[in-house]
Amino acid sequence: MTLLSYAKAMNRALADALEADPAVCVFGEDVGAGLAGLTPGLQQRFGAGRVVDVPLSEQAFTSAGIGAALNGMRPVIELQIPSLLFLVFEQLANQAHKFSLMTGGQARVPLTVVVPGSGSRSGWAGQHSDHPYGLFAHVGIKTLAPATPTDAYGLLSSAIRDDDPVVLFAPAGALGVREDVTAPLVPVPIGAARVHRAGSDVTVVAVGHLVHQALAVAEELAGEASVEVLDPRTLYPLDRAALVESLGRTGRLVVVDDSNRFAGFAAEVLAVAAEECRLLAPPRRVTRPDGAVLPFALALDRALQPDAEQLRDAIRAVLK
């Protein structure tokens, strides 16, 4: 049995990409030391010219990455804190994302932004605990949230090969996940969802690390209902066909999503279901509250995040 951790899977994806393509490079703070857990050993193996320690200025090195991408490189930018995405949103949404569209595809920006530890790390407070993936999905940037080590490897590999900007959120709640890997690691197509558990009574769409919570709750409720757990993996473009197919089997929907409720990803999933499916019961969302800012105190931090009890209650509500 070979156990692979989430962080090690991403490290391996980066190493394989650097080995396969000399155009791939990594920019980030303390990537040489592997501080965030994704890049240990890479600078020693590939050199400081390809695994580049940068000054503490996210706007500067994100802009440098965009420039490198426009000039034929395939940069991977590591942002240690998810809330730093607000700093670089202009560069990503207004520049990197639009170059290809505004030049008729003549200028491509094959840039990958990786956010290790997105969401709450317990006690990191309001400016370090966001899950802003809905912002990037809204403007049309390819947005990924893998839940497992094999999907982390596969989606990061595909992101690096993509000719357009991709933002990959590696949830803090998933970084400690380990998986028994028996088959070779391979790229995972962007835009393809995954059914982790088949069911016939209710579909639970779970984002990122909450896939594992959903699987545990589904097992707990096995005597009451047959719960299907659908992992979108790619938040944009959403695999609408997989969602519609799942709801065709179950007719009921619960979305569990560790981001803010209003105008969030969960709301988009509910909208697709309402537009394209005939549901047997009103759908439910299990999310952070509207406009949530996570407090420093651990008990309050936990109180604002989706938990198993809320998910159980939502599943039971749609089954009534």
C-alpha atoms as a PDB file:
ATOM      1  CA  MET A   1       0.000   0.000   0.000  1.00  0.00           C
ATOM      2  CA  THR A   2       1.337   3.439  -0.986  1.00  0.00           C
ATOM      3  CA  LEU A   3      -0.118   6.369   0.926  1.00  0.00           C
ATOM      4  CA  LEU A   4       0.141   9.704  -0.856  1.00  0.00           C
ATOM      5  CA  SER A   5      -0.553  12.982   0.921  1.00  0.00           C
ATOM      6  CA  TYR A   6      -2.295  15.912  -0.730  1.00  0.00           C
ATOM      7  CA  ALA A   7       0.761  18.166  -0.415  1.00  0.00           C
ATOM      8  CA  LYS A   8       3.108  15.466  -1.714  1.00  0.00           C
ATOM      9  CA  ALA A   9       0.819  14.895  -4.690  1.00  0.00           C
ATOM     10  CA  MET A  10       1.068  18.564  -5.621  1.00  0.00           C
ATOM     11  CA  ASN A  11       4.831  18.489  -5.104  1.00  0.00           C
ATOM     12  CA  ARG A  12       5.034  15.543  -7.484  1.00  0.00           C
ATOM     13  CA  ALA A  13       2.865  17.305 -10.069  1.00  0.00           C
ATOM     14  CA  LEU A  14       5.157  20.331  -9.970  1.00  0.00           C
ATOM     15  CA  ALA A  15       8.266  18.154 -10.229  1.00  0.00           C
ATOM     16  CA  ASP A  16       6.864  16.206 -13.171  1.00  0.00           C
ATOM     17  CA  ALA A  17       5.900  19.428 -14.968  1.00  0.00           C
ATOM     18  CA  LEU A  18       9.307  21.019 -14.372  1.00  0.00           C
ATOM     19  CA  GLU A  19      10.991  17.844 -15.620  1.00  0.00           C
ATOM     20  CA  ALA A  20       8.837  17.548 -18.734  1.00  0.00           C
ATOM     21  CA  ASP A  21       8.797  21.163 -19.920  1.00  0.00           C
ATOM     22  CA  PRO A  22      11.650  23.684 -19.590  1.00  0.00           C
ATOM     23  CA  ALA A  23       9.090  26.494 -19.956  1.00  0.00           C
ATOM     24  CA  VAL A  24       7.571  25.652 -16.554  1.00  0.00           C
ATOM     25  CA  CYS A  25       8.782  27.744 -13.613  1.00  0.00           C
ATOM     26  CA  VAL A  26       7.588  28.448 -10.070  1.00  0.00           C
ATOM     27  CA  PHE A  27       7.383  31.866  -8.376  1.00  0.00           C
ATOM     28  CA  GLY A  28       6.592  32.326  -4.703  1.00  0.00           C
ATOM     29  CA  GLU A  29       7.669  33.432  -1.266  1.00  0.00           C
ATOM     30  CA  ASP A  30       9.965  30.864   0.389  1.00  0.00           C
ATOM     31  CA  VAL A  31       9.366  28.277  -2.324  1.00  0.00           C
ATOM     32  CA  GLY A  32      13.028  27.326  -2.073  1.00  0.00           C
ATOM     33  CA  ALA A  33      12.499  26.185   1.497  1.00  0.00           C
ATOM     34  CA  GLY A  34       9.113  24.666   0.680  1.00  0.00           C
ATOM     35  CA  LEU A  35       7.459  26.637   3.461  1.00  0.00           C
ATOM     36  CA  ALA A  36       3.889  25.975   2.282  1.00  0.00           C
ATOM     37  CA  GLY A  37       4.595  22.271   1.832  1.00  0.00           C
ATOM     38  CA  LEU A  38       4.240  22.123  -1.951  1.00  0.00           C
ATOM     39  CA  THR A  39       7.765  22.843  -3.175  1.00  0.00           C
ATOM     40  CA  PRO A  40      10.290  21.030  -0.912  1.00  0.00           C
ATOM     41  CA  GLY A  41      13.329  19.900  -2.875  1.00  0.00           C
ATOM     42  CA  LEU A  42      12.330  21.535  -6.142  1.00  0.00           C
ATOM     43  CA  GLN A  43      14.791  24.435  -6.048  1.00  0.00           C
ATOM     44  CA  GLN A  44      17.635  22.070  -5.207  1.00  0.00           C
ATOM     45  CA  ARG A  45      16.667  19.825  -8.115  1.00  0.00           C
ATOM     46  CA  PHE A  46      15.791  22.379 -10.791  1.00  0.00           C
ATOM     47  CA  GLY A  47      17.717  25.461  -9.686  1.00  0.00           C
ATOM     48  CA  ALA A  48      16.897  28.924  -8.366  1.00  0.00           C
ATOM     49  CA  GLY A  49      16.319  30.185 -11.913  1.00  0.00           C
ATOM     50  CA  ARG A  50      13.230  28.001 -12.303  1.00  0.00           C
ATOM     51  CA  VAL A  51      11.988  27.753  -8.712  1.00  0.00           C
ATOM     52  CA  VAL A  52      12.259  31.404  -7.807  1.00  0.00           C
ATOM     53  CA  ASP A  53      12.096  32.943  -4.333  1.00  0.00           C
ATOM     54  CA  VAL A  54      10.477  36.350  -4.693  1.00  0.00           C
ATOM     55  CA  PRO A  55      10.154  39.469  -2.519  1.00  0.00           C
ATOM     56  CA  LEU A  56       7.088  39.931  -0.348  1.00  0.00           C
ATOM     57  CA  SER A  57       5.002  41.697  -2.991  1.00  0.00           C
ATOM     58  CA  GLU A  58       2.226  39.556  -4.419  1.00  0.00           C
ATOM     59  CA  GLN A  59       1.240  42.196  -6.949  1.00  0.00           C
ATOM     60  CA  ALA A  60       4.810  42.376  -8.251  1.00  0.00           C
ATOM     61  CA  PHE A  61       5.463  38.668  -8.699  1.00  0.00           C
ATOM     62  CA  THR A  62       1.975  37.967 -10.050  1.00  0.00           C
ATOM     63  CA  SER A  63       2.563  40.648 -12.674  1.00  0.00           C
ATOM     64  CA  ALA A  64       5.980  39.133 -13.397  1.00  0.00           C
ATOM     65  CA  GLY A  65       4.303  35.769 -13.863  1.00  0.00           C
ATOM     66  CA  ILE A  66       1.818  37.226 -16.338  1.00  0.00           C
ATOM     67  CA  GLY A  67       4.666  38.804 -18.276  1.00  0.00           C
ATOM     68  CA  ALA A  68       6.571  35.526 -18.308  1.00  0.00           C
ATOM     69  CA  ALA A  69       3.472  33.698 -19.559  1.00  0.00           C
ATOM     70  CA  LEU A  70       3.009  36.219 -22.366  1.00  0.00           C
ATOM     71  CA  ASN A  71       6.604  35.524 -23.378  1.00  0.00           C
ATOM     72  CA  GLY A  72       6.269  31.763 -23.696  1.00  0.00           C
ATOM     73  CA  MET A  73       6.822  30.496 -20.164  1.00  0.00           C
ATOM     74  CA  ARG A  74       4.346  28.453 -18.084  1.00  0.00           C
ATOM     75  CA  PRO A  75       4.670  30.005 -14.623  1.00  0.00           C
ATOM     76  CA  VAL A  76       3.140  28.560 -11.477  1.00  0.00           C
ATOM     77  CA  ILE A  77       2.565  31.211  -8.809  1.00  0.00           C
ATOM     78  CA  GLU A  78       2.171  30.137  -5.187  1.00  0.00           C
ATOM     79  CA  LEU A  79       0.174  32.447  -2.910  1.00  0.00           C
ATOM     80  CA  GLN A  80       0.464  31.307   0.694  1.00  0.00           C
ATOM     81  CA  ILE A  81      -2.687  33.044   1.952  1.00  0.00           C
ATOM     82  CA  PRO A  82      -6.051  32.939   0.112  1.00  0.00           C
ATOM     83  CA  SER A  83      -6.979  36.505   1.041  1.00  0.00           C
ATOM     84  CA  LEU A  84      -3.956  37.727  -0.933  1.00  0.00           C
ATOM     85  CA  LEU A  85      -5.973  36.945  -4.035  1.00  0.00           C
ATOM     86  CA  PHE A  86      -7.855  40.181  -3.387  1.00  0.00           C
ATOM     87  CA  LEU A  87      -4.546  42.024  -3.863  1.00  0.00           C
ATOM     88  CA  VAL A  88      -3.913  40.483  -7.271  1.00  0.00           C
ATOM     89  CA  PHE A  89      -7.488  40.266  -8.536  1.00  0.00           C
ATOM     90  CA  GLU A  90      -6.965  43.162 -10.953  1.00  0.00           C
ATOM     91  CA  GLN A  91      -3.932  41.513 -12.545  1.00  0.00           C
ATOM     92  CA  LEU A  92      -5.667  38.143 -12.875  1.00  0.00           C
ATOM     93  CA  ALA A  93      -9.212  39.161 -13.813  1.00  0.00           C
ATOM     94  CA  ASN A  94      -8.568  42.304 -15.837  1.00  0.00           C
ATOM     95  CA  GLN A  95      -5.218  41.473 -17.419  1.00  0.00           C
ATOM     96  CA  ALA A  96      -4.280  37.772 -17.528  1.00  0.00           C
ATOM     97  CA  HIS A  97      -7.815  36.543 -18.143  1.00  0.00           C
ATOM     98  CA  LYS A  98      -8.631  39.068 -20.872  1.00  0.00           C
ATOM     99  CA  PHE A  99      -5.450  39.111 -22.982  1.00  0.00           C
ATOM    100  CA  SER A 100      -6.426  36.062 -25.026  1.00  0.00           C
ATOM    101  CA  LEU A 101     -10.031  37.189 -25.477  1.00  0.00           C
ATOM    102  CA  MET A 102      -9.072  40.718 -26.509  1.00  0.00           C
ATOM    103  CA  THR A 103      -6.406  39.577 -28.995  1.00  0.00           C
ATOM    104  CA  GLY A 104      -8.438  36.854 -30.671  1.00  0.00           C
ATOM    105  CA  GLY A 105      -6.221  34.199 -29.142  1.00  0.00           C
ATOM    106  CA  GLN A 106      -2.987  35.727 -30.431  1.00  0.00           C
ATOM    107  CA  ALA A 107      -1.719  36.343 -26.894  1.00  0.00           C
ATOM    108  CA  ARG A 108      -2.098  33.429 -24.483  1.00  0.00           C
ATOM    109  CA  VAL A 109      -1.421  33.494 -20.744  1.00  0.00           C
ATOM    110  CA  PRO A 110      -0.663  29.945 -19.518  1.00  0.00           C
ATOM    111  CA  LEU A 111      -0.462  30.976 -15.861  1.00  0.00           C
ATOM    112  CA  THR A 112      -1.352  28.770 -12.887  1.00  0.00           C
ATOM    113  CA  VAL A 113      -2.038  30.270  -9.464  1.00  0.00           C
ATOM    114  CA  VAL A 114      -1.953  27.803  -6.569  1.00  0.00           C
ATOM    115  CA  VAL A 115      -3.354  28.681  -3.139  1.00  0.00           C
ATOM    116  CA  PRO A 116      -2.221  26.087  -0.572  1.00  0.00           C
ATOM    117  CA  GLY A 117      -4.295  26.199   2.597  1.00  0.00           C
ATOM    118  CA  SER A 118      -7.306  28.066   1.239  1.00  0.00           C
ATOM    119  CA  GLY A 119     -10.032  28.654   3.805  1.00  0.00           C
ATOM    120  CA  SER A 120      -9.619  28.446   7.563  1.00  0.00           C
ATOM    121  CA  ARG A 121      -6.535  26.957   9.179  1.00  0.00           C
ATOM    122  CA  SER A 122      -8.156  27.397  12.611  1.00  0.00           C
ATOM    123  CA  GLY A 123      -7.318  30.652  14.315  1.00  0.00           C
ATOM    124  CA  TRP A 124      -5.893  32.510  11.323  1.00  0.00           C
ATOM    125  CA  ALA A 125      -8.652  35.112  11.631  1.00  0.00           C
ATOM    126  CA  GLY A 126     -10.515  37.187   9.092  1.00  0.00           C
ATOM    127  CA  GLN A 127      -7.710  38.257   6.763  1.00  0.00           C
ATOM    128  CA  HIS A 128      -6.285  34.760   6.240  1.00  0.00           C
ATOM    129  CA  SER A 129      -9.333  32.468   6.065  1.00  0.00           C
ATOM    130  CA  ASP A 130     -11.282  33.273   2.908  1.00  0.00           C
ATOM    131  CA  HIS A 131     -12.434  30.954   0.138  1.00  0.00           C
ATOM    132  CA  PRO A 132     -12.825  33.515  -2.683  1.00  0.00           C
ATOM    133  CA  TYR A 133     -13.203  31.009  -5.492  1.00  0.00           C
ATOM    134  CA  GLY A 134     -16.618  32.413  -6.407  1.00  0.00           C
ATOM    135  CA  LEU A 135     -15.014  35.676  -7.550  1.00  0.00           C
ATOM    136  CA  PHE A 136     -12.810  33.915 -10.079  1.00  0.00           C
ATOM    137  CA  ALA A 137     -15.585  31.649 -11.322  1.00  0.00           C
ATOM    138  CA  HIS A 138     -17.804  34.726 -11.773  1.00  0.00           C
ATOM    139  CA  VAL A 139     -15.403  36.464 -14.153  1.00  0.00           C
ATOM    140  CA  GLY A 140     -14.769  33.258 -16.113  1.00  0.00           C
ATOM    141  CA  ILE A 141     -11.324  32.175 -14.906  1.00  0.00           C
ATOM    142  CA  LYS A 142     -10.878  28.412 -14.732  1.00  0.00           C
ATOM    143  CA  THR A 143     -11.285  27.632 -11.033  1.00  0.00           C
ATOM    144  CA  LEU A 144     -10.357  24.319  -9.406  1.00  0.00           C
ATOM    145  CA  ALA A 145     -10.856  22.862  -5.908  1.00  0.00           C
ATOM    146  CA  PRO A 146      -9.533  19.286  -5.711  1.00  0.00           C
ATOM    147  CA  ALA A 147     -10.501  17.220  -2.679  1.00  0.00           C
ATOM    148  CA  THR A 148      -8.130  14.251  -2.905  1.00  0.00           C
ATOM    149  CA  PRO A 149      -4.407  13.731  -3.518  1.00  0.00           C
ATOM    150  CA  THR A 150      -4.960  12.061  -6.902  1.00  0.00           C
ATOM    151  CA  ASP A 151      -7.212  14.888  -8.039  1.00  0.00           C
ATOM    152  CA  ALA A 152      -4.756  17.464  -6.686  1.00  0.00           C
ATOM    153  CA  TYR A 153      -2.029  15.890  -8.820  1.00  0.00           C
ATOM    154  CA  GLY A 154      -4.263  15.495 -11.844  1.00  0.00           C
ATOM    155  CA  LEU A 155      -5.839  18.940 -11.821  1.00  0.00           C
ATOM    156  CA  LEU A 156      -2.573  20.762 -11.133  1.00  0.00           C
ATOM    157  CA  SER A 157      -0.975  18.868 -14.020  1.00  0.00           C
ATOM    158  CA  SER A 158      -3.807  19.890 -16.340  1.00  0.00           C
ATOM    159  CA  ALA A 159      -3.725  23.485 -15.108  1.00  0.00           C
ATOM    160  CA  ILE A 160      -0.027  23.840 -15.925  1.00  0.00           C
ATOM    161  CA  ARG A 161      -0.629  22.499 -19.441  1.00  0.00           C
ATOM    162  CA  ASP A 162      -3.593  24.807 -20.040  1.00  0.00           C
ATOM    163  CA  ASP A 163      -3.038  27.829 -22.275  1.00  0.00           C
ATOM    164  CA  ASP A 164      -5.242  30.105 -20.157  1.00  0.00           C
ATOM    165  CA  PRO A 165      -5.035  31.287 -16.528  1.00  0.00           C
ATOM    166  CA  VAL A 166      -6.146  28.778 -13.903  1.00  0.00           C
ATOM    167  CA  VAL A 167      -6.579  29.308 -10.154  1.00  0.00           C
ATOM    168  CA  LEU A 168      -6.325  26.160  -8.034  1.00  0.00           C
ATOM    169  CA  PHE A 169      -7.571  26.273  -4.449  1.00  0.00           C
ATOM    170  CA  ALA A 170      -5.997  23.628  -2.205  1.00  0.00           C
ATOM    171  CA  PRO A 171      -8.246  23.742   0.881  1.00  0.00           C
ATOM    172  CA  ALA A 172      -6.584  23.798   4.283  1.00  0.00           C
ATOM    173  CA  GLY A 173      -8.977  21.059   5.350  1.00  0.00           C
ATOM    174  CA  ALA A 174      -7.665  18.748   2.611  1.00  0.00           C
ATOM    175  CA  LEU A 175      -3.908  19.223   2.980  1.00  0.00           C
ATOM    176  CA  GLY A 176      -3.647  16.433   5.557  1.00  0.00           C
ATOM    177  CA  VAL A 177      -5.656  13.948   3.489  1.00  0.00           C
ATOM    178  CA  ARG A 178      -3.796  10.789   2.489  1.00  0.00           C
ATOM    179  CA  GLU A 179      -4.892   8.352  -0.173  1.00  0.00           C
ATOM    180  CA  ASP A 180      -3.934   4.795  -1.033  1.00  0.00           C
ATOM    181  CA  VAL A 181      -2.542   5.061  -4.552  1.00  0.00           C
ATOM    182  CA  THR A 182      -2.167   1.920  -6.631  1.00  0.00           C
ATOM    183  CA  ALA A 183      -2.511   3.267 -10.191  1.00  0.00           C
ATOM    184  CA  PRO A 184      -0.182   5.755 -11.925  1.00  0.00           C
ATOM    185  CA  LEU A 185      -0.982   9.417 -11.337  1.00  0.00           C
ATOM    186  CA  VAL A 186      -2.451  11.028 -14.447  1.00  0.00           C
ATOM    187  CA  PRO A 187      -3.855  14.433 -15.467  1.00  0.00           C
ATOM    188  CA  VAL A 188      -7.529  15.048 -14.645  1.00  0.00           C
ATOM    189  CA  PRO A 189      -9.565  16.928 -17.267  1.00  0.00           C
ATOM    190  CA  ILE A 190     -10.617  20.430 -16.262  1.00  0.00           C
ATOM    191  CA  GLY A 191     -14.411  20.682 -16.231  1.00  0.00           C
ATOM    192  CA  ALA A 192     -15.162  17.082 -15.224  1.00  0.00           C
ATOM    193  CA  ALA A 193     -16.971  16.286 -11.963  1.00  0.00           C
ATOM    194  CA  ARG A 194     -16.544  13.051  -9.999  1.00  0.00           C
ATOM    195  CA  VAL A 195     -19.114  10.892  -8.228  1.00  0.00           C
ATOM    196  CA  HIS A 196     -17.465   9.616  -5.048  1.00  0.00           C
ATOM    197  CA  ARG A 197     -20.515   7.701  -3.860  1.00  0.00           C
ATOM    198  CA  ALA A 198     -23.547   6.697  -5.911  1.00  0.00           C
ATOM    199  CA  GLY A 199     -27.030   7.169  -4.490  1.00  0.00           C
ATOM    200  CA  SER A 200     -30.688   7.341  -5.436  1.00  0.00           C
ATOM    201  CA  ASP A 201     -32.430   9.598  -2.876  1.00  0.00           C
ATOM    202  CA  VAL A 202     -30.455  12.845  -2.656  1.00  0.00           C
ATOM    203  CA  THR A 203     -27.433  14.440  -4.330  1.00  0.00           C
ATOM    204  CA  VAL A 204     -24.926  16.209  -2.101  1.00  0.00           C
ATOM    205  CA  VAL A 205     -22.628  18.505  -4.073  1.00  0.00           C
ATOM    206  CA  ALA A 206     -19.580  19.025  -1.863  1.00  0.00           C
ATOM    207  CA  VAL A 207     -16.727  21.444  -2.574  1.00  0.00           C
ATOM    208  CA  GLY A 208     -13.092  20.695  -1.758  1.00  0.00           C
ATOM    209  CA  HIS A 209     -12.369  19.261   1.688  1.00  0.00           C
ATOM    210  CA  LEU A 210     -16.096  19.018   2.430  1.00  0.00           C
ATOM    211  CA  VAL A 211     -16.254  15.994   0.128  1.00  0.00           C
ATOM    212  CA  HIS A 212     -14.810  13.964   3.004  1.00  0.00           C
ATOM    213  CA  GLN A 213     -17.391  15.330   5.433  1.00  0.00           C
ATOM    214  CA  ALA A 214     -20.153  14.530   2.955  1.00  0.00           C
ATOM    215  CA  LEU A 215     -18.934  10.960   2.528  1.00  0.00           C
ATOM    216  CA  ALA A 216     -18.881  10.453   6.294  1.00  0.00           C
ATOM    217  CA  VAL A 217     -22.408  11.831   6.675  1.00  0.00           C
ATOM    218  CA  ALA A 218     -23.646   9.733   3.746  1.00  0.00           C
ATOM    219  CA  GLU A 219     -22.318   6.609   5.436  1.00  0.00           C
ATOM    220  CA  GLU A 220     -23.862   7.628   8.752  1.00  0.00           C
ATOM    221  CA  LEU A 221     -27.276   8.118   7.109  1.00  0.00           C
ATOM    222  CA  ALA A 222     -27.104   4.968   4.993  1.00  0.00           C
ATOM    223  CA  GLY A 223     -29.951   3.434   6.972  1.00  0.00           C
ATOM    224  CA  GLU A 224     -32.191   6.432   6.244  1.00  0.00           C
ATOM    225  CA  ALA A 225     -31.334   7.392   2.680  1.00  0.00           C
ATOM    226  CA  SER A 226     -29.192   6.607  -0.314  1.00  0.00           C
ATOM    227  CA  VAL A 227     -26.950   9.678  -0.633  1.00  0.00           C
ATOM    228  CA  GLU A 228     -24.958  10.446  -3.769  1.00  0.00           C
ATOM    229  CA  VAL A 229     -21.829  12.574  -3.246  1.00  0.00           C
ATOM    230  CA  LEU A 230     -20.823  14.641  -6.270  1.00  0.00           C
ATOM    231  CA  ASP A 231     -17.506  16.501  -6.272  1.00  0.00           C
ATOM    232  CA  PRO A 232     -17.452  19.241  -8.945  1.00  0.00           C
ATOM    233  CA  ARG A 233     -13.620  19.411  -8.795  1.00  0.00           C
ATOM    234  CA  THR A 234     -13.802  22.259 -11.327  1.00  0.00           C
ATOM    235  CA  LEU A 235     -15.981  25.125 -10.119  1.00  0.00           C
ATOM    236  CA  TYR A 236     -15.691  26.942 -13.438  1.00  0.00           C
ATOM    237  CA  PRO A 237     -16.449  25.692 -15.990  1.00  0.00           C
ATOM    238  CA  LEU A 238     -18.984  23.695 -13.991  1.00  0.00           C
ATOM    239  CA  ASP A 239     -19.793  20.180 -15.183  1.00  0.00           C
ATOM    240  CA  ARG A 240     -23.488  20.934 -15.602  1.00  0.00           C
ATOM    241  CA  ALA A 241     -24.126  17.635 -17.383  1.00  0.00           C
ATOM    242  CA  ALA A 242     -22.876  15.615 -14.403  1.00  0.00           C
ATOM    243  CA  LEU A 243     -25.046  17.661 -12.032  1.00  0.00           C
ATOM    244  CA  VAL A 244     -28.149  17.233 -14.183  1.00  0.00           C
ATOM    245  CA  GLU A 245     -27.467  13.510 -14.581  1.00  0.00           C
ATOM    246  CA  SER A 246     -27.100  13.059 -10.817  1.00  0.00           C
ATOM    247  CA  LEU A 247     -30.283  14.985 -10.074  1.00  0.00           C
ATOM    248  CA  GLY A 248     -32.078  12.894 -12.666  1.00  0.00           C
ATOM    249  CA  ARG A 249     -31.355   9.910 -10.436  1.00  0.00           C
ATOM    250  CA  THR A 250     -32.146  11.509  -7.079  1.00  0.00           C
ATOM    251  CA  GLY A 251     -34.437  14.514  -7.585  1.00  0.00           C
ATOM    252  CA  ARG A 252     -33.139  16.189  -4.437  1.00  0.00           C
ATOM    253  CA  LEU A 253     -30.181  18.507  -3.864  1.00  0.00           C
ATOM    254  CA  VAL A 254     -28.017  19.725  -0.986  1.00  0.00           C
ATOM    255  CA  VAL A 255     -24.883  21.801  -1.607  1.00  0.00           C
ATOM    256  CA  VAL A 256     -22.205  22.056   1.075  1.00  0.00           C
ATOM    257  CA  ASP A 257     -19.708  24.824   0.384  1.00  0.00           C
ATOM    258  CA  ASP A 258     -17.245  26.503   2.766  1.00  0.00           C
ATOM    259  CA  SER A 259     -17.662  29.984   1.327  1.00  0.00           C
ATOM    260  CA  ASN A 260     -20.059  32.831   2.022  1.00  0.00           C
ATOM    261  CA  ARG A 261     -23.709  32.171   1.289  1.00  0.00           C
ATOM    262  CA  PHE A 262     -24.882  35.223  -0.673  1.00  0.00           C
ATOM    263  CA  ALA A 263     -23.961  35.061  -4.387  1.00  0.00           C
ATOM    264  CA  GLY A 264     -21.712  32.096  -3.666  1.00  0.00           C
ATOM    265  CA  PHE A 265     -20.870  28.956  -5.615  1.00  0.00           C
ATOM    266  CA  ALA A 266     -23.667  27.039  -3.886  1.00  0.00           C
ATOM    267  CA  ALA A 267     -26.202  29.548  -5.198  1.00  0.00           C
ATOM    268  CA  GLU A 268     -25.028  28.920  -8.762  1.00  0.00           C
ATOM    269  CA  VAL A 269     -25.439  25.166  -8.349  1.00  0.00           C
ATOM    270  CA  LEU A 270     -28.978  25.700  -7.047  1.00  0.00           C
ATOM    271  CA  ALA A 271     -29.724  27.986 -10.005  1.00  0.00           C
ATOM    272  CA  VAL A 272     -28.569  25.368 -12.522  1.00  0.00           C
ATOM    273  CA  ALA A 273     -30.703  22.757 -10.775  1.00  0.00           C
ATOM    274  CA  ALA A 274     -33.755  25.030 -10.827  1.00  0.00           C
ATOM    275  CA  GLU A 275     -33.309  25.886 -14.503  1.00  0.00           C
ATOM    276  CA  GLU A 276     -32.544  22.425 -15.840  1.00  0.00           C
ATOM    277  CA  CYS A 277     -34.061  19.843 -13.466  1.00  0.00           C
ATOM    278  CA  ARG A 278     -37.367  18.843 -11.919  1.00  0.00           C
ATOM    279  CA  LEU A 279     -36.718  18.572  -8.204  1.00  0.00           C
ATOM    280  CA  LEU A 280     -38.860  16.673  -5.728  1.00  0.00           C
ATOM    281  CA  ALA A 281     -38.113  19.115  -2.890  1.00  0.00           C
ATOM    282  CA  PRO A 282     -36.700  22.623  -2.458  1.00  0.00           C
ATOM    283  CA  PRO A 283     -32.877  22.418  -2.528  1.00  0.00           C
ATOM    284  CA  ARG A 284     -30.768  23.352   0.485  1.00  0.00           C
ATOM    285  CA  ARG A 285     -27.404  25.063   0.997  1.00  0.00           C
ATOM    286  CA  VAL A 286     -24.967  24.480   3.857  1.00  0.00           C
ATOM    287  CA  THR A 287     -22.451  27.347   3.779  1.00  0.00           C
ATOM    288  CA  ARG A 288     -20.832  30.071   5.808  1.00  0.00           C
ATOM    289  CA  PRO A 289     -23.285  32.880   6.692  1.00  0.00           C
ATOM    290  CA  ASP A 290     -23.815  35.901   4.442  1.00  0.00           C
ATOM    291  CA  GLY A 291     -20.781  38.182   4.551  1.00  0.00           C
ATOM    292  CA  ALA A 292     -18.913  35.933   6.999  1.00  0.00           C
ATOM    293  CA  VAL A 293     -15.556  37.094   8.368  1.00  0.00           C
ATOM    294  CA  LEU A 294     -14.007  34.324  10.439  1.00  0.00           C
ATOM    295  CA  PRO A 295     -13.016  35.363  13.986  1.00  0.00           C
ATOM    296  CA  PHE A 296      -9.695  34.511  15.614  1.00  0.00           C
ATOM    297  CA  ALA A 297     -11.270  32.539  18.488  1.00  0.00           C
ATOM    298  CA  LEU A 298     -11.335  28.871  17.521  1.00  0.00           C
ATOM    299  CA  ALA A 299     -14.860  28.222  18.789  1.00  0.00           C
ATOM    300  CA  LEU A 300     -16.220  31.158  16.785  1.00  0.00           C
ATOM    301  CA  ASP A 301     -14.157  30.177  13.744  1.00  0.00           C
ATOM    302  CA  ARG A 302     -15.732  26.720  13.785  1.00  0.00           C
ATOM    303  CA  ALA A 303     -19.222  28.096  14.425  1.00  0.00           C
ATOM    304  CA  LEU A 304     -19.231  29.946  11.088  1.00  0.00           C
ATOM    305  CA  GLN A 305     -18.158  26.968   8.987  1.00  0.00           C
ATOM    306  CA  PRO A 306     -20.370  24.190   7.609  1.00  0.00           C
ATOM    307  CA  ASP A 307     -20.396  21.142   9.858  1.00  0.00           C
ATOM    308  CA  ALA A 308     -21.685  17.589   9.778  1.00  0.00           C
ATOM    309  CA  GLU A 309     -24.743  18.363  11.888  1.00  0.00           C
ATOM    310  CA  GLN A 310     -25.888  21.090   9.493  1.00  0.00           C
ATOM    311  CA  LEU A 311     -25.379  18.747   6.558  1.00  0.00           C
ATOM    312  CA  ARG A 312     -27.352  15.946   8.224  1.00  0.00           C
ATOM    313  CA  ASP A 313     -30.204  18.351   8.957  1.00  0.00           C
ATOM    314  CA  ALA A 314     -30.247  19.614   5.363  1.00  0.00           C
ATOM    315  CA  ILE A 315     -30.332  16.090   3.933  1.00  0.00           C
ATOM    316  CA  ARG A 316     -33.173  15.098   6.238  1.00  0.00           C
ATOM    317  CA  ALA A 317     -35.066  18.285   5.349  1.00  0.00           C
ATOM    318  CA  VAL A 318     -35.081  17.564   1.601  1.00  0.00           C
ATOM    319  CA  LEU A 319     -36.187  13.977   2.256  1.00  0.00           C
ATOM    320  CA  LYS A 320     -39.364  15.007   4.120  1.00  0.00           C
END
